[in-house]
Amino acid sequence: MEILRVEALTAYYEGKNSKKFYYPDFTIGKGRCLCIKGDTGCGKTTLLKALFKKDFEGKADYKSAQLVGKDIRSYGRDIYRVVSFMPQFSQNALNPSLTVESHGKDVPGYNREGFLEMLASLKLDEDVMNKYPYELSGGMKQRIVMLLGFLKSPSLYVMDEPSTAIDALTLKLILDFLRGMKEKGISILMVTHDFGFSKHIADEHIILQVLS
């Protein structure tokens, strides 16, 4: 089953120093992971924002962008019912005034037992549920933010540099967790600069080039 198909996507920012990005066509099947790599300035993060961020500050055009059989623009805000988006520096995304469990309860379809199972698979104890973000390490916050995006069982999980500033042990936990989510049929679109990370999770790669 095809989850995402994108053809002839271009994105650009208006202004004096505007730059236009031209992207290759790609598809992602159910339970598959596509990793996008390339040097700084090649438009990796722009690609994700152009397709999935409703507040994208640039302009995007495409011949076709089908998400679960529908044009991606037809979803509007409802796109986040089928897509989870994990941006860069997501460790800072948690609300400092809410406990981990309160964050989970804000996710549609929250199930406490399922939440606890996911925490355990990421080597996080049950007592984490009652902690506030300031009581957690950076690696713990990274795992929790990632986990929250999986709670609603999205068709597609979009991840921007999920391996940034993470120690080797946490990286292995995240890799094992992502493989498990793929086995459950969740597809992943990931931007990463970490070849060692991507080679263990990606089914396909796209390498973007910086255009002069």
N, C-alpha and C. Protein backbone atom coordinates (compact mmCIF):
# COMPACT_ATOMS: atom_id res chain seq x y z
N MET A 1 0.85 -1.20 0.00
CA MET A 1 0.00 0.00 0.00
C MET A 1 0.88 1.25 0.00
N GLU A 2 0.53 2.21 -0.82
CA GLU A 2 1.29 3.45 -0.94
C GLU A 2 0.76 4.48 0.06
N ILE A 3 1.63 5.00 0.92
CA ILE A 3 1.23 5.99 1.91
C ILE A 3 1.45 7.41 1.39
N LEU A 4 2.58 7.64 0.74
CA LEU A 4 2.89 8.98 0.22
C LEU A 4 3.54 8.86 -1.15
N ARG A 5 3.04 9.67 -2.09
CA ARG A 5 3.65 9.78 -3.42
C ARG A 5 3.78 11.26 -3.75
N VAL A 6 4.99 11.68 -4.10
CA VAL A 6 5.25 13.09 -4.42
C VAL A 6 5.93 13.17 -5.78
N GLU A 7 5.38 14.01 -6.67
CA GLU A 7 5.94 14.16 -8.01
C GLU A 7 6.13 15.65 -8.31
N ALA A 8 7.32 15.99 -8.82
CA ALA A 8 7.65 17.34 -9.30
C ALA A 8 7.40 18.41 -8.24
N LEU A 9 7.91 18.18 -7.05
CA LEU A 9 7.78 19.16 -5.97
C LEU A 9 8.86 20.23 -6.09
N THR A 10 8.45 21.48 -5.99
CA THR A 10 9.40 22.59 -5.89
C THR A 10 8.98 23.45 -4.70
N ALA A 11 9.96 24.06 -4.06
CA ALA A 11 9.67 24.95 -2.93
C ALA A 11 10.65 26.11 -2.98
N TYR A 12 10.18 27.27 -2.55
CA TYR A 12 11.04 28.44 -2.60
C TYR A 12 10.56 29.49 -1.61
N TYR A 13 11.47 30.38 -1.29
CA TYR A 13 11.17 31.50 -0.41
C TYR A 13 11.26 32.79 -1.23
N GLU A 14 10.33 33.67 -1.03
CA GLU A 14 10.33 34.93 -1.77
C GLU A 14 11.24 35.93 -1.08
N GLY A 15 11.79 36.82 -1.85
CA GLY A 15 12.66 37.85 -1.30
C GLY A 15 13.91 38.04 -2.13
N LYS A 16 14.76 38.97 -1.68
CA LYS A 16 15.96 39.33 -2.43
C LYS A 16 16.89 38.15 -2.66
N ASN A 17 17.08 37.33 -1.63
CA ASN A 17 18.00 36.20 -1.72
C ASN A 17 17.23 34.87 -1.83
N SER A 18 16.17 34.88 -2.58
CA SER A 18 15.32 33.69 -2.69
C SER A 18 16.08 32.56 -3.38
N LYS A 19 15.75 31.35 -2.97
CA LYS A 19 16.34 30.15 -3.54
C LYS A 19 15.22 29.14 -3.81
N LYS A 20 15.27 28.50 -4.96
CA LYS A 20 14.26 27.53 -5.31
C LYS A 20 14.86 26.13 -5.25
N PHE A 21 14.09 25.21 -4.65
CA PHE A 21 14.54 23.83 -4.52
C PHE A 21 13.69 22.93 -5.42
N TYR A 22 14.36 22.06 -6.14
CA TYR A 22 13.69 21.09 -7.00
C TYR A 22 13.95 19.69 -6.43
N TYR A 23 12.89 18.96 -6.17
CA TYR A 23 13.04 17.68 -5.50
C TYR A 23 12.73 16.50 -6.42
N PRO A 24 13.43 15.39 -6.26
CA PRO A 24 13.12 14.20 -7.06
C PRO A 24 11.80 13.58 -6.61
N ASP A 25 11.18 12.86 -7.51
CA ASP A 25 9.95 12.16 -7.16
C ASP A 25 10.27 11.04 -6.18
N PHE A 26 9.32 10.76 -5.28
CA PHE A 26 9.52 9.65 -4.36
C PHE A 26 8.19 9.09 -3.87
N THR A 27 8.24 7.87 -3.39
CA THR A 27 7.07 7.22 -2.79
C THR A 27 7.51 6.53 -1.51
N ILE A 28 6.56 6.37 -0.60
CA ILE A 28 6.80 5.62 0.64
C ILE A 28 5.66 4.63 0.81
N GLY A 29 5.99 3.37 0.92
CA GLY A 29 4.99 2.34 1.14
C GLY A 29 4.68 2.15 2.61
N LYS A 30 3.65 1.41 2.91
CA LYS A 30 3.25 1.15 4.30
C LYS A 30 4.36 0.40 5.03
N GLY A 31 4.71 0.91 6.21
CA GLY A 31 5.74 0.28 7.02
C GLY A 31 7.15 0.43 6.49
N ARG A 32 7.36 1.43 5.62
CA ARG A 32 8.68 1.66 5.03
C ARG A 32 9.24 2.99 5.53
N CYS A 33 10.56 3.11 5.45
CA CYS A 33 11.23 4.35 5.87
C CYS A 33 12.07 4.89 4.73
N LEU A 34 11.84 6.16 4.41
CA LEU A 34 12.64 6.88 3.42
C LEU A 34 13.46 7.94 4.16
N CYS A 35 14.78 7.91 4.00
CA CYS A 35 15.66 8.90 4.61
C CYS A 35 16.15 9.87 3.56
N ILE A 36 16.11 11.15 3.90
CA ILE A 36 16.59 12.22 3.02
C ILE A 36 17.87 12.77 3.61
N LYS A 37 18.92 12.77 2.81
CA LYS A 37 20.22 13.22 3.27
C LYS A 37 20.78 14.26 2.29
N GLY A 38 21.82 14.95 2.74
CA GLY A 38 22.45 15.95 1.88
C GLY A 38 23.12 17.01 2.72
N ASP A 39 23.97 17.80 2.09
CA ASP A 39 24.71 18.84 2.80
C ASP A 39 23.79 19.97 3.25
N THR A 40 24.27 20.75 4.19
CA THR A 40 23.54 21.92 4.66
C THR A 40 23.21 22.84 3.48
N GLY A 41 21.97 23.29 3.42
CA GLY A 41 21.56 24.21 2.36
C GLY A 41 20.92 23.56 1.16
N CYS A 42 20.78 22.22 1.17
CA CYS A 42 20.22 21.53 0.01
C CYS A 42 18.69 21.45 0.05
N GLY A 43 18.08 21.88 1.17
CA GLY A 43 16.62 21.93 1.23
C GLY A 43 15.95 20.75 1.89
N LYS A 44 16.65 20.03 2.76
CA LYS A 44 16.06 18.86 3.42
C LYS A 44 14.88 19.25 4.30
N THR A 45 15.12 20.15 5.22
CA THR A 45 14.05 20.57 6.14
C THR A 45 12.95 21.31 5.38
N THR A 46 13.33 22.09 4.36
CA THR A 46 12.34 22.80 3.55
C THR A 46 11.36 21.83 2.91
N LEU A 47 11.86 20.69 2.46
CA LEU A 47 10.98 19.68 1.87
C LEU A 47 9.89 19.26 2.86
N LEU A 48 10.30 18.96 4.08
CA LEU A 48 9.33 18.54 5.10
C LEU A 48 8.33 19.64 5.41
N LYS A 49 8.82 20.84 5.58
CA LYS A 49 7.93 21.95 5.91
C LYS A 49 6.97 22.27 4.77
N ALA A 50 7.47 22.21 3.53
CA ALA A 50 6.62 22.53 2.39
C ALA A 50 5.44 21.58 2.29
N LEU A 51 5.65 20.32 2.65
CA LEU A 51 4.58 19.33 2.55
C LEU A 51 3.68 19.27 3.77
N PHE A 52 4.25 19.46 4.96
CA PHE A 52 3.52 19.10 6.18
C PHE A 52 3.30 20.22 7.19
N LYS A 53 3.94 21.37 7.02
CA LYS A 53 3.75 22.44 7.98
C LYS A 53 2.74 23.45 7.45
N LYS A 54 1.68 23.66 8.20
CA LYS A 54 0.64 24.58 7.75
C LYS A 54 1.11 26.03 7.80
N ASP A 55 2.17 26.32 8.58
CA ASP A 55 2.67 27.69 8.66
C ASP A 55 3.96 27.86 7.85
N PHE A 56 4.13 27.04 6.82
CA PHE A 56 5.31 27.15 5.96
C PHE A 56 5.40 28.56 5.38
N GLU A 57 6.55 29.20 5.56
CA GLU A 57 6.70 30.61 5.18
C GLU A 57 7.03 30.81 3.71
N GLY A 58 7.33 29.72 3.00
CA GLY A 58 7.64 29.83 1.58
C GLY A 58 6.45 29.44 0.71
N LYS A 59 6.75 29.10 -0.53
CA LYS A 59 5.76 28.66 -1.49
C LYS A 59 6.13 27.27 -2.00
N ALA A 60 5.12 26.46 -2.25
CA ALA A 60 5.38 25.10 -2.74
C ALA A 60 4.42 24.77 -3.87
N ASP A 61 4.94 24.09 -4.87
CA ASP A 61 4.12 23.60 -5.99
C ASP A 61 4.50 22.15 -6.25
N TYR A 62 3.57 21.42 -6.81
CA TYR A 62 3.86 20.03 -7.17
C TYR A 62 2.89 19.56 -8.24
N LYS A 63 3.33 18.54 -8.96
CA LYS A 63 2.45 17.89 -9.93
C LYS A 63 1.46 17.00 -9.21
N SER A 64 1.95 16.28 -8.21
CA SER A 64 1.10 15.39 -7.42
C SER A 64 1.73 15.18 -6.05
N ALA A 65 0.91 15.25 -5.01
CA ALA A 65 1.34 14.90 -3.65
C ALA A 65 0.17 14.19 -2.99
N GLN A 66 0.21 12.87 -3.04
CA GLN A 66 -0.89 12.05 -2.54
C GLN A 66 -0.52 11.43 -1.20
N LEU A 67 -1.31 11.72 -0.18
CA LEU A 67 -1.12 11.16 1.16
C LEU A 67 -2.30 10.23 1.47
N VAL A 68 -2.02 8.97 1.58
CA VAL A 68 -3.05 7.94 1.80
C VAL A 68 -4.19 8.11 0.80
N GLY A 69 -3.82 8.32 -0.45
CA GLY A 69 -4.80 8.37 -1.54
C GLY A 69 -5.50 9.69 -1.74
N LYS A 70 -5.14 10.74 -0.99
CA LYS A 70 -5.78 12.04 -1.13
C LYS A 70 -4.72 13.11 -1.37
N ASP A 71 -5.12 14.17 -2.12
CA ASP A 71 -4.21 15.28 -2.29
C ASP A 71 -3.88 15.88 -0.93
N ILE A 72 -2.61 16.12 -0.71
CA ILE A 72 -2.15 16.52 0.62
C ILE A 72 -2.77 17.84 1.08
N ARG A 73 -3.09 18.74 0.13
CA ARG A 73 -3.66 20.02 0.51
C ARG A 73 -5.13 19.91 0.91
N SER A 74 -5.76 18.83 0.53
CA SER A 74 -7.18 18.66 0.86
C SER A 74 -7.40 18.36 2.35
N TYR A 75 -6.34 18.00 3.05
CA TYR A 75 -6.49 17.68 4.47
C TYR A 75 -6.65 18.91 5.35
N GLY A 76 -5.99 20.02 4.97
CA GLY A 76 -5.99 21.17 5.85
C GLY A 76 -5.37 20.80 7.19
N ARG A 77 -5.94 21.29 8.29
CA ARG A 77 -5.44 20.96 9.62
C ARG A 77 -5.62 19.48 9.95
N ASP A 78 -6.55 18.83 9.28
CA ASP A 78 -6.79 17.41 9.55
C ASP A 78 -5.61 16.52 9.16
N ILE A 79 -4.61 17.11 8.50
CA ILE A 79 -3.45 16.31 8.12
C ILE A 79 -2.79 15.69 9.34
N TYR A 80 -2.92 16.36 10.50
CA TYR A 80 -2.26 15.85 11.70
C TYR A 80 -3.04 14.72 12.36
N ARG A 81 -4.15 14.34 11.75
CA ARG A 81 -4.83 13.11 12.18
C ARG A 81 -4.13 11.88 11.62
N VAL A 82 -3.45 12.04 10.51
CA VAL A 82 -2.79 10.90 9.86
C VAL A 82 -1.27 11.03 9.84
N VAL A 83 -0.76 12.23 10.18
CA VAL A 83 0.68 12.49 10.18
C VAL A 83 1.12 12.99 11.55
N SER A 84 2.25 12.48 12.03
CA SER A 84 2.93 13.08 13.19
C SER A 84 4.20 13.74 12.67
N PHE A 85 4.52 14.90 13.24
CA PHE A 85 5.67 15.68 12.78
C PHE A 85 6.59 15.95 13.97
N MET A 86 7.83 15.46 13.88
CA MET A 86 8.82 15.69 14.93
C MET A 86 9.89 16.61 14.38
N PRO A 87 9.89 17.89 14.78
CA PRO A 87 10.84 18.85 14.22
C PRO A 87 12.23 18.72 14.85
N GLN A 88 13.17 19.48 14.32
CA GLN A 88 14.49 19.55 14.94
C GLN A 88 14.38 20.14 16.35
N PHE A 89 15.31 19.77 17.20
CA PHE A 89 15.38 20.28 18.57
C PHE A 89 14.09 20.04 19.33
N SER A 90 13.50 18.87 19.10
CA SER A 90 12.20 18.57 19.69
C SER A 90 12.26 18.35 21.19
N GLN A 91 13.46 18.23 21.74
CA GLN A 91 13.58 18.12 23.19
C GLN A 91 12.94 19.31 23.90
N ASN A 92 12.89 20.44 23.19
CA ASN A 92 12.35 21.66 23.77
C ASN A 92 10.85 21.81 23.54
N ALA A 93 10.21 20.79 22.98
CA ALA A 93 8.80 20.91 22.60
C ALA A 93 7.84 20.63 23.76
N LEU A 94 8.34 20.04 24.84
CA LEU A 94 7.46 19.69 25.95
C LEU A 94 7.06 20.93 26.75
N ASN A 95 5.82 20.95 27.20
CA ASN A 95 5.31 22.05 28.03
C ASN A 95 5.88 21.92 29.44
N PRO A 96 6.64 22.90 29.92
CA PRO A 96 7.30 22.76 31.23
C PRO A 96 6.34 22.65 32.40
N SER A 97 5.08 23.04 32.21
CA SER A 97 4.11 23.01 33.31
C SER A 97 3.29 21.72 33.36
N LEU A 98 3.56 20.78 32.44
CA LEU A 98 2.80 19.53 32.39
C LEU A 98 3.70 18.33 32.66
N THR A 99 3.15 17.33 33.34
CA THR A 99 3.87 16.08 33.53
C THR A 99 3.85 15.29 32.22
N VAL A 100 4.68 14.25 32.18
CA VAL A 100 4.72 13.39 30.99
C VAL A 100 3.35 12.78 30.74
N GLU A 101 2.68 12.32 31.78
CA GLU A 101 1.37 11.71 31.58
C GLU A 101 0.36 12.73 31.06
N SER A 102 0.43 13.96 31.53
CA SER A 102 -0.48 14.99 31.03
C SER A 102 -0.26 15.25 29.55
N HIS A 103 0.99 15.20 29.11
CA HIS A 103 1.27 15.32 27.68
C HIS A 103 0.59 14.19 26.91
N GLY A 104 0.68 12.99 27.45
CA GLY A 104 0.07 11.84 26.79
C GLY A 104 -1.44 11.97 26.69
N LYS A 105 -2.06 12.48 27.74
CA LYS A 105 -3.52 12.61 27.76
C LYS A 105 -4.02 13.62 26.74
N ASP A 106 -3.14 14.51 26.29
CA ASP A 106 -3.52 15.49 25.27
C ASP A 106 -3.55 14.90 23.86
N VAL A 107 -3.04 13.68 23.71
CA VAL A 107 -3.00 13.04 22.39
C VAL A 107 -4.31 12.30 22.15
N PRO A 108 -4.97 12.52 20.99
CA PRO A 108 -6.21 11.80 20.69
C PRO A 108 -6.02 10.29 20.77
N GLY A 109 -6.97 9.62 21.42
CA GLY A 109 -6.90 8.16 21.53
C GLY A 109 -5.94 7.67 22.59
N TYR A 110 -5.59 8.54 23.55
CA TYR A 110 -4.63 8.16 24.58
C TYR A 110 -5.08 6.91 25.32
N ASN A 111 -4.13 6.01 25.50
CA ASN A 111 -4.37 4.78 26.25
C ASN A 111 -3.20 4.60 27.22
N ARG A 112 -3.48 4.63 28.51
CA ARG A 112 -2.41 4.62 29.51
C ARG A 112 -1.57 3.34 29.43
N GLU A 113 -2.24 2.22 29.25
CA GLU A 113 -1.51 0.95 29.19
C GLU A 113 -0.57 0.92 27.98
N GLY A 114 -1.06 1.40 26.84
CA GLY A 114 -0.22 1.46 25.65
C GLY A 114 0.95 2.41 25.83
N PHE A 115 0.70 3.52 26.54
CA PHE A 115 1.75 4.49 26.82
C PHE A 115 2.85 3.85 27.66
N LEU A 116 2.44 3.11 28.69
CA LEU A 116 3.40 2.46 29.56
C LEU A 116 4.23 1.41 28.81
N GLU A 117 3.59 0.71 27.89
CA GLU A 117 4.32 -0.29 27.10
C GLU A 117 5.38 0.37 26.24
N MET A 118 5.03 1.50 25.64
CA MET A 118 6.00 2.22 24.83
C MET A 118 7.15 2.76 25.68
N LEU A 119 6.83 3.29 26.85
CA LEU A 119 7.88 3.77 27.74
C LEU A 119 8.85 2.64 28.09
N ALA A 120 8.29 1.47 28.41
CA ALA A 120 9.13 0.34 28.78
C ALA A 120 10.04 -0.08 27.63
N SER A 121 9.51 -0.03 26.40
CA SER A 121 10.31 -0.44 25.24
C SER A 121 11.46 0.54 24.98
N LEU A 122 11.33 1.76 25.52
CA LEU A 122 12.39 2.76 25.40
C LEU A 122 13.20 2.89 26.69
N LYS A 123 13.06 1.88 27.58
CA LYS A 123 13.81 1.83 28.83
C LYS A 123 13.52 3.03 29.73
N LEU A 124 12.26 3.42 29.77
CA LEU A 124 11.82 4.49 30.65
C LEU A 124 10.86 3.90 31.69
N ASP A 125 11.13 4.17 32.96
CA ASP A 125 10.32 3.59 34.03
C ASP A 125 8.97 4.29 34.16
N GLU A 126 8.03 3.60 34.82
CA GLU A 126 6.68 4.14 34.99
C GLU A 126 6.68 5.45 35.75
N ASP A 127 7.63 5.64 36.65
CA ASP A 127 7.63 6.87 37.44
C ASP A 127 7.91 8.12 36.59
N VAL A 128 8.37 7.92 35.35
CA VAL A 128 8.56 9.05 34.44
C VAL A 128 7.23 9.76 34.18
N MET A 129 6.14 9.02 34.25
CA MET A 129 4.81 9.59 33.97
C MET A 129 4.53 10.81 34.84
N ASN A 130 5.05 10.82 36.06
CA ASN A 130 4.74 11.90 37.00
C ASN A 130 5.80 13.01 37.01
N LYS A 131 6.75 12.93 36.13
CA LYS A 131 7.83 13.92 36.11
C LYS A 131 7.52 15.06 35.14
N TYR A 132 8.13 16.22 35.45
CA TYR A 132 8.04 17.39 34.59
C TYR A 132 9.29 17.44 33.70
N PRO A 133 9.23 18.14 32.57
CA PRO A 133 10.37 18.15 31.65
C PRO A 133 11.71 18.52 32.29
N TYR A 134 11.70 19.46 33.23
CA TYR A 134 12.97 19.89 33.84
C TYR A 134 13.62 18.78 34.66
N GLU A 135 12.85 17.74 35.00
CA GLU A 135 13.38 16.63 35.76
C GLU A 135 13.96 15.52 34.87
N LEU A 136 13.92 15.72 33.57
CA LEU A 136 14.35 14.69 32.62
C LEU A 136 15.65 15.09 31.92
N SER A 137 16.44 14.10 31.54
CA SER A 137 17.63 14.37 30.74
C SER A 137 17.23 14.66 29.30
N GLY A 138 18.18 15.16 28.51
CA GLY A 138 17.88 15.44 27.12
C GLY A 138 17.47 14.20 26.35
N GLY A 139 18.16 13.08 26.60
CA GLY A 139 17.82 11.84 25.92
C GLY A 139 16.44 11.32 26.28
N MET A 140 16.06 11.50 27.55
CA MET A 140 14.72 11.08 27.99
C MET A 140 13.65 11.92 27.31
N LYS A 141 13.88 13.22 27.24
CA LYS A 141 12.90 14.11 26.59
C LYS A 141 12.77 13.77 25.11
N GLN A 142 13.89 13.47 24.46
CA GLN A 142 13.85 13.11 23.05
C GLN A 142 13.00 11.87 22.83
N ARG A 143 13.19 10.86 23.67
CA ARG A 143 12.41 9.62 23.54
C ARG A 143 10.93 9.87 23.80
N ILE A 144 10.61 10.69 24.78
CA ILE A 144 9.21 10.94 25.11
C ILE A 144 8.51 11.72 24.00
N VAL A 145 9.18 12.75 23.46
CA VAL A 145 8.57 13.50 22.36
C VAL A 145 8.30 12.57 21.17
N MET A 146 9.26 11.73 20.85
CA MET A 146 9.08 10.78 19.75
C MET A 146 7.91 9.83 20.04
N LEU A 147 7.87 9.33 21.25
CA LEU A 147 6.80 8.40 21.65
C LEU A 147 5.43 9.06 21.52
N LEU A 148 5.30 10.30 21.94
CA LEU A 148 4.00 10.99 21.88
C LEU A 148 3.47 11.02 20.45
N GLY A 149 4.36 11.15 19.48
CA GLY A 149 3.93 11.17 18.09
C GLY A 149 3.40 9.83 17.60
N PHE A 150 3.82 8.75 18.25
CA PHE A 150 3.35 7.42 17.85
C PHE A 150 2.06 7.01 18.55
N LEU A 151 1.69 7.71 19.62
CA LEU A 151 0.52 7.31 20.41
C LEU A 151 -0.76 7.23 19.57
N LYS A 152 -0.89 8.13 18.61
CA LYS A 152 -2.11 8.15 17.80
C LYS A 152 -2.03 7.22 16.59
N SER A 153 -0.96 6.42 16.51
CA SER A 153 -0.76 5.48 15.39
C SER A 153 -0.93 6.16 14.04
N PRO A 154 -0.06 7.12 13.72
CA PRO A 154 -0.19 7.84 12.44
C PRO A 154 0.11 6.93 11.26
N SER A 155 -0.41 7.28 10.11
CA SER A 155 -0.04 6.55 8.90
C SER A 155 1.40 6.88 8.50
N LEU A 156 1.82 8.14 8.78
CA LEU A 156 3.15 8.59 8.41
C LEU A 156 3.73 9.40 9.55
N TYR A 157 4.98 9.09 9.91
CA TYR A 157 5.70 9.87 10.93
C TYR A 157 6.83 10.60 10.21
N VAL A 158 6.81 11.93 10.29
CA VAL A 158 7.81 12.78 9.66
C VAL A 158 8.78 13.24 10.74
N MET A 159 10.07 12.95 10.55
CA MET A 159 11.06 13.21 11.59
C MET A 159 12.22 14.01 11.00
N ASP A 160 12.55 15.12 11.65
CA ASP A 160 13.64 15.98 11.20
C ASP A 160 14.81 15.87 12.18
N GLU A 161 15.87 15.19 11.76
CA GLU A 161 17.09 15.01 12.54
C GLU A 161 16.82 14.44 13.94
N PRO A 162 16.20 13.27 14.02
CA PRO A 162 15.89 12.70 15.35
C PRO A 162 17.10 12.21 16.11
N SER A 163 18.27 12.09 15.46
CA SER A 163 19.46 11.57 16.13
C SER A 163 20.39 12.66 16.63
N THR A 164 20.00 13.93 16.52
CA THR A 164 20.87 15.03 16.91
C THR A 164 21.09 15.07 18.42
N ALA A 165 22.35 15.20 18.83
CA ALA A 165 22.73 15.38 20.24
C ALA A 165 22.24 14.25 21.14
N ILE A 166 22.29 13.02 20.62
CA ILE A 166 21.85 11.85 21.38
C ILE A 166 23.03 10.90 21.56
N ASP A 167 23.17 10.35 22.75
CA ASP A 167 24.26 9.42 23.01
C ASP A 167 24.00 8.08 22.33
N ALA A 168 25.05 7.27 22.24
CA ALA A 168 24.99 6.02 21.47
C ALA A 168 23.94 5.05 22.02
N LEU A 169 23.81 4.96 23.34
CA LEU A 169 22.83 4.04 23.93
C LEU A 169 21.41 4.45 23.58
N THR A 170 21.12 5.76 23.69
CA THR A 170 19.79 6.25 23.35
C THR A 170 19.50 6.05 21.87
N LEU A 171 20.51 6.23 21.02
CA LEU A 171 20.32 6.01 19.59
C LEU A 171 19.90 4.59 19.30
N LYS A 172 20.53 3.62 19.98
CA LYS A 172 20.17 2.22 19.76
C LYS A 172 18.74 1.96 20.22
N LEU A 173 18.34 2.53 21.34
CA LEU A 173 16.96 2.37 21.82
C LEU A 173 15.97 2.92 20.81
N ILE A 174 16.28 4.11 20.27
CA ILE A 174 15.40 4.74 19.29
C ILE A 174 15.31 3.91 18.02
N LEU A 175 16.45 3.40 17.55
CA LEU A 175 16.45 2.56 16.36
C LEU A 175 15.59 1.33 16.55
N ASP A 176 15.75 0.65 17.67
CA ASP A 176 14.96 -0.55 17.94
C ASP A 176 13.47 -0.21 17.99
N PHE A 177 13.16 0.92 18.60
CA PHE A 177 11.76 1.35 18.72
C PHE A 177 11.17 1.65 17.34
N LEU A 178 11.92 2.36 16.51
CA LEU A 178 11.44 2.70 15.18
C LEU A 178 11.23 1.45 14.33
N ARG A 179 12.11 0.48 14.44
CA ARG A 179 11.92 -0.77 13.71
C ARG A 179 10.61 -1.43 14.13
N GLY A 180 10.33 -1.39 15.43
CA GLY A 180 9.07 -1.97 15.91
C GLY A 180 7.86 -1.25 15.36
N MET A 181 7.93 0.07 15.25
CA MET A 181 6.81 0.83 14.70
C MET A 181 6.61 0.52 13.22
N LYS A 182 7.72 0.34 12.51
CA LYS A 182 7.62 -0.05 11.10
C LYS A 182 6.92 -1.40 10.95
N GLU A 183 7.25 -2.32 11.83
CA GLU A 183 6.62 -3.65 11.78
C GLU A 183 5.12 -3.57 12.03
N LYS A 184 4.68 -2.52 12.73
CA LYS A 184 3.25 -2.30 12.97
C LYS A 184 2.59 -1.57 11.81
N GLY A 185 3.36 -1.25 10.77
CA GLY A 185 2.78 -0.64 9.57
C GLY A 185 2.87 0.86 9.50
N ILE A 186 3.59 1.50 10.42
CA ILE A 186 3.74 2.95 10.38
C ILE A 186 4.90 3.31 9.46
N SER A 187 4.66 4.22 8.53
CA SER A 187 5.69 4.66 7.59
C SER A 187 6.43 5.86 8.15
N ILE A 188 7.69 6.02 7.73
CA ILE A 188 8.53 7.09 8.27
C ILE A 188 9.21 7.84 7.12
N LEU A 189 9.13 9.16 7.19
CA LEU A 189 9.90 10.05 6.31
C LEU A 189 10.86 10.82 7.19
N MET A 190 12.15 10.63 6.99
CA MET A 190 13.14 11.16 7.92
C MET A 190 14.23 11.95 7.21
N VAL A 191 14.55 13.11 7.77
CA VAL A 191 15.74 13.85 7.38
C VAL A 191 16.82 13.55 8.41
N THR A 192 18.00 13.18 7.95
CA THR A 192 19.11 12.94 8.86
C THR A 192 20.44 13.16 8.15
N HIS A 193 21.41 13.64 8.92
CA HIS A 193 22.78 13.77 8.40
C HIS A 193 23.63 12.58 8.83
N ASP A 194 23.05 11.72 9.67
CA ASP A 194 23.78 10.62 10.31
C ASP A 194 23.67 9.35 9.48
N PHE A 195 24.68 9.07 8.68
CA PHE A 195 24.64 7.89 7.81
C PHE A 195 24.58 6.61 8.62
N GLY A 196 25.32 6.55 9.73
CA GLY A 196 25.29 5.37 10.56
C GLY A 196 23.91 5.06 11.10
N PHE A 197 23.17 6.11 11.43
CA PHE A 197 21.80 5.96 11.93
C PHE A 197 20.87 5.52 10.81
N SER A 198 20.95 6.22 9.67
CA SER A 198 19.99 5.97 8.59
C SER A 198 20.16 4.59 7.97
N LYS A 199 21.38 4.09 7.90
CA LYS A 199 21.58 2.80 7.24
C LYS A 199 20.93 1.65 7.99
N HIS A 200 20.64 1.88 9.28
CA HIS A 200 20.02 0.84 10.09
C HIS A 200 18.50 0.92 10.11
N ILE A 201 17.93 1.97 9.54
CA ILE A 201 16.47 2.13 9.59
C ILE A 201 15.84 2.35 8.22
N ALA A 202 16.61 2.91 7.26
CA ALA A 202 16.02 3.29 5.97
C ALA A 202 15.86 2.10 5.03
N ASP A 203 14.75 2.10 4.31
CA ASP A 203 14.55 1.16 3.21
C ASP A 203 15.00 1.78 1.88
N GLU A 204 14.88 3.10 1.79
CA GLU A 204 15.35 3.85 0.63
C GLU A 204 15.99 5.15 1.10
N HIS A 205 16.88 5.70 0.27
CA HIS A 205 17.53 6.98 0.55
C HIS A 205 17.33 7.93 -0.63
N ILE A 206 17.24 9.22 -0.33
CA ILE A 206 17.35 10.28 -1.33
C ILE A 206 18.48 11.19 -0.86
N ILE A 207 19.43 11.46 -1.74
CA ILE A 207 20.52 12.37 -1.42
C ILE A 207 20.34 13.65 -2.23
N LEU A 208 20.10 14.75 -1.56
CA LEU A 208 19.88 16.03 -2.23
C LEU A 208 21.20 16.76 -2.43
N GLN A 209 21.26 17.54 -3.48
CA GLN A 209 22.46 18.30 -3.80
C GLN A 209 22.21 19.79 -3.60
N VAL A 210 23.25 20.49 -3.20
CA VAL A 210 23.17 21.95 -3.10
C VAL A 210 23.30 22.54 -4.49
N LEU A 211 22.29 23.31 -4.91
CA LEU A 211 22.33 23.92 -6.23
C LEU A 211 22.92 25.32 -6.15
N SER A 212 23.84 25.63 -7.05
CA SER A 212 24.46 26.97 -7.05
C SER A 212 23.51 28.00 -7.64
